[in-house]
Protein backbone atom coordinates (compact mmCIF):
# COMPACT_ATOMS: atom_id res chain seq x y z
CA MET A 1 136.99 123.78 184.76
CA LEU A 2 139.93 125.68 183.25
CA ARG A 3 142.64 122.96 183.40
CA GLU A 4 143.65 120.01 185.43
CA GLY A 5 146.67 117.71 185.39
CA GLU A 6 149.37 115.61 187.19
CA VAL A 7 152.25 117.95 187.39
CA SER A 8 152.51 121.42 188.92
CA ALA A 9 155.49 123.30 190.04
CA TYR A 10 153.33 125.96 191.61
CA ALA A 11 153.03 124.68 195.18
CA ALA A 12 155.57 122.48 197.04
CA HIS A 13 152.72 121.51 199.50
CA ARG A 14 148.96 120.88 199.49
CA GLN A 15 147.41 124.26 198.90
CA ILE A 16 144.14 125.99 197.93
CA GLU A 17 144.65 129.36 196.23
CA VAL A 18 142.04 131.97 195.27
CA PHE A 19 143.22 134.07 192.30
CA THR A 20 141.63 137.44 191.95
CA SER A 21 143.85 138.95 189.22
CA GLN A 22 144.91 137.73 185.66
CA GLU A 23 148.67 138.26 186.47
CA ASP A 24 148.66 135.94 189.55
CA PHE A 25 146.51 133.35 187.79
CA GLU A 26 148.91 133.43 184.86
CA THR A 27 151.96 132.77 187.15
CA ALA A 28 150.40 129.60 188.59
CA TYR A 29 148.91 128.56 185.17
CA ASP A 30 152.46 128.83 183.47
CA LEU A 31 153.93 126.60 186.41
CA SER A 32 151.29 123.85 185.95
CA GLY A 33 151.29 121.12 183.36
CA SER A 34 154.05 119.19 181.63
CA GLU A 35 152.98 119.65 178.06
CA ILE A 36 155.55 120.62 175.46
CA SER A 37 153.09 122.89 173.94
CA PRO A 38 150.77 123.99 176.71
CA PRO A 39 147.19 125.30 176.06
CA PRO A 40 146.99 129.00 175.98
CA ILE A 41 146.19 130.85 179.24
CA PRO A 42 142.54 131.45 179.48
CA VAL A 43 141.47 135.15 179.80
CA VAL A 44 139.23 135.38 182.92
CA ASP A 45 137.03 138.49 183.54
CA PHE A 46 138.19 139.17 187.03
CA SER A 47 135.64 141.91 187.47
CA ASN A 48 132.98 139.37 188.07
CA SER A 49 134.91 136.09 188.49
CA LEU A 50 137.66 134.48 190.40
CA VAL A 51 139.77 131.43 189.89
CA ILE A 52 140.43 128.53 192.47
CA GLY A 53 143.62 126.75 192.14
CA LEU A 54 143.91 123.39 193.97
CA PHE A 55 147.43 121.88 194.36
CA LEU A 56 148.80 118.74 195.88
CA HIS A 57 152.37 118.05 196.97
CA GLU A 58 154.59 115.38 195.31
CA LEU A 59 152.93 111.96 195.43
CA PRO A 60 153.86 108.60 194.06
CA SER A 61 151.74 106.84 191.32
CA MET A 62 151.10 109.24 188.60
CA GLY A 63 147.37 109.19 187.69
CA GLU A 64 146.28 107.40 190.73
CA GLN A 65 145.72 110.39 192.92
CA SER A 66 143.82 113.69 192.28
CA ILE A 67 142.17 116.74 193.62
CA GLY A 68 139.19 118.58 192.27
CA VAL A 69 136.14 120.50 193.01
CA LYS A 70 133.00 118.39 193.10
CA SER A 71 130.40 121.16 193.75
CA ILE A 72 129.90 124.71 194.99
CA THR A 73 126.88 125.73 196.93
CA LYS A 74 125.89 129.23 198.10
CA ASN A 75 123.61 130.57 200.68
CA SER A 76 123.30 133.91 202.47
CA LEU A 77 126.09 132.95 204.90
CA ALA A 78 128.75 131.29 202.87
CA THR A 79 129.89 129.80 199.55
CA THR A 80 130.89 126.31 200.13
CA VAL A 81 133.50 124.65 197.83
CA ASN A 82 133.36 120.94 198.20
CA ILE A 83 136.71 119.33 197.22
CA GLU A 84 137.43 115.65 196.68
CA LEU A 85 140.84 114.31 197.30
CA VAL A 86 141.51 110.87 195.96
CA LYS A 87 144.37 109.02 197.31
CA LEU A 88 145.63 105.42 197.30
CA LYS A 89 144.91 103.38 200.39
CA GLU A 90 147.92 103.14 202.81
CA GLY A 91 150.16 100.33 201.85
CA CYS A 92 149.26 100.13 198.21
CA PRO A 93 152.16 99.45 195.94
CA SER A 94 153.22 102.32 193.65
CA ASP A 95 155.47 102.90 190.79
CA SER A 96 158.37 105.45 190.70
CA ALA A 97 156.32 108.03 188.82
CA ILE A 98 155.70 111.15 190.85
CA SER A 99 152.70 113.37 190.42
CA GLN A 100 151.65 116.78 191.79
CA PRO A 101 147.94 116.94 190.92
CA TYR A 102 146.24 120.25 190.33
CA GLN A 103 142.95 121.90 189.15
CA PHE A 104 141.95 125.40 188.18
CA ILE A 105 138.26 126.34 188.07
CA SER A 106 136.64 129.67 187.52
CA MET A 107 133.47 130.82 189.45
CA GLN A 108 131.40 133.94 189.84
CA LYS A 109 132.69 136.21 192.62
CA THR A 110 130.92 135.99 195.90
CA ASP A 111 130.03 138.58 198.47
CA VAL A 112 129.93 136.07 201.29
CA PRO A 113 132.81 134.16 202.97
CA MET A 114 134.23 130.97 201.16
CA VAL A 115 134.29 127.84 203.00
CA PHE A 116 136.55 124.84 201.62
CA LYS A 117 135.33 121.35 202.65
CA GLU A 118 137.52 118.40 201.74
CA THR A 119 136.27 114.74 201.39
CA LEU A 120 138.95 112.03 201.23
CA VAL A 121 138.29 109.11 198.96
CA GLU A 122 140.67 106.22 199.51
CA LYS A 123 141.27 104.27 196.23
CA ALA A 124 141.68 100.46 196.58
CA CYS A 125 144.98 98.89 195.61
CA GLU A 126 144.87 97.29 192.15
């Protein structure tokens, strides 16, 4: 995992992005995170790697909801990226904080199609 957090201005809606160049990755990385002194942008060797960016739209309850890669499996037909989306159950009270969860991961380039599978995990009200 390269970076994850609760605030990203990169995507206005739920989005999965595959970055194949340092320039495109840096644009998204710069728009993610709310730190005053953000960590340096990782240099990725895009000749044999790619970066997956996962982004959620604005959601209430900062810290209560997230998106992330749980596993990656590869066979001769496809590379499957299993994504877990954690959301509060419908009707749970939330505070006024807003989040836009995101995650960046790097992985080895693949020569087979990529398939993204999402699993929704509903978090109980506290």
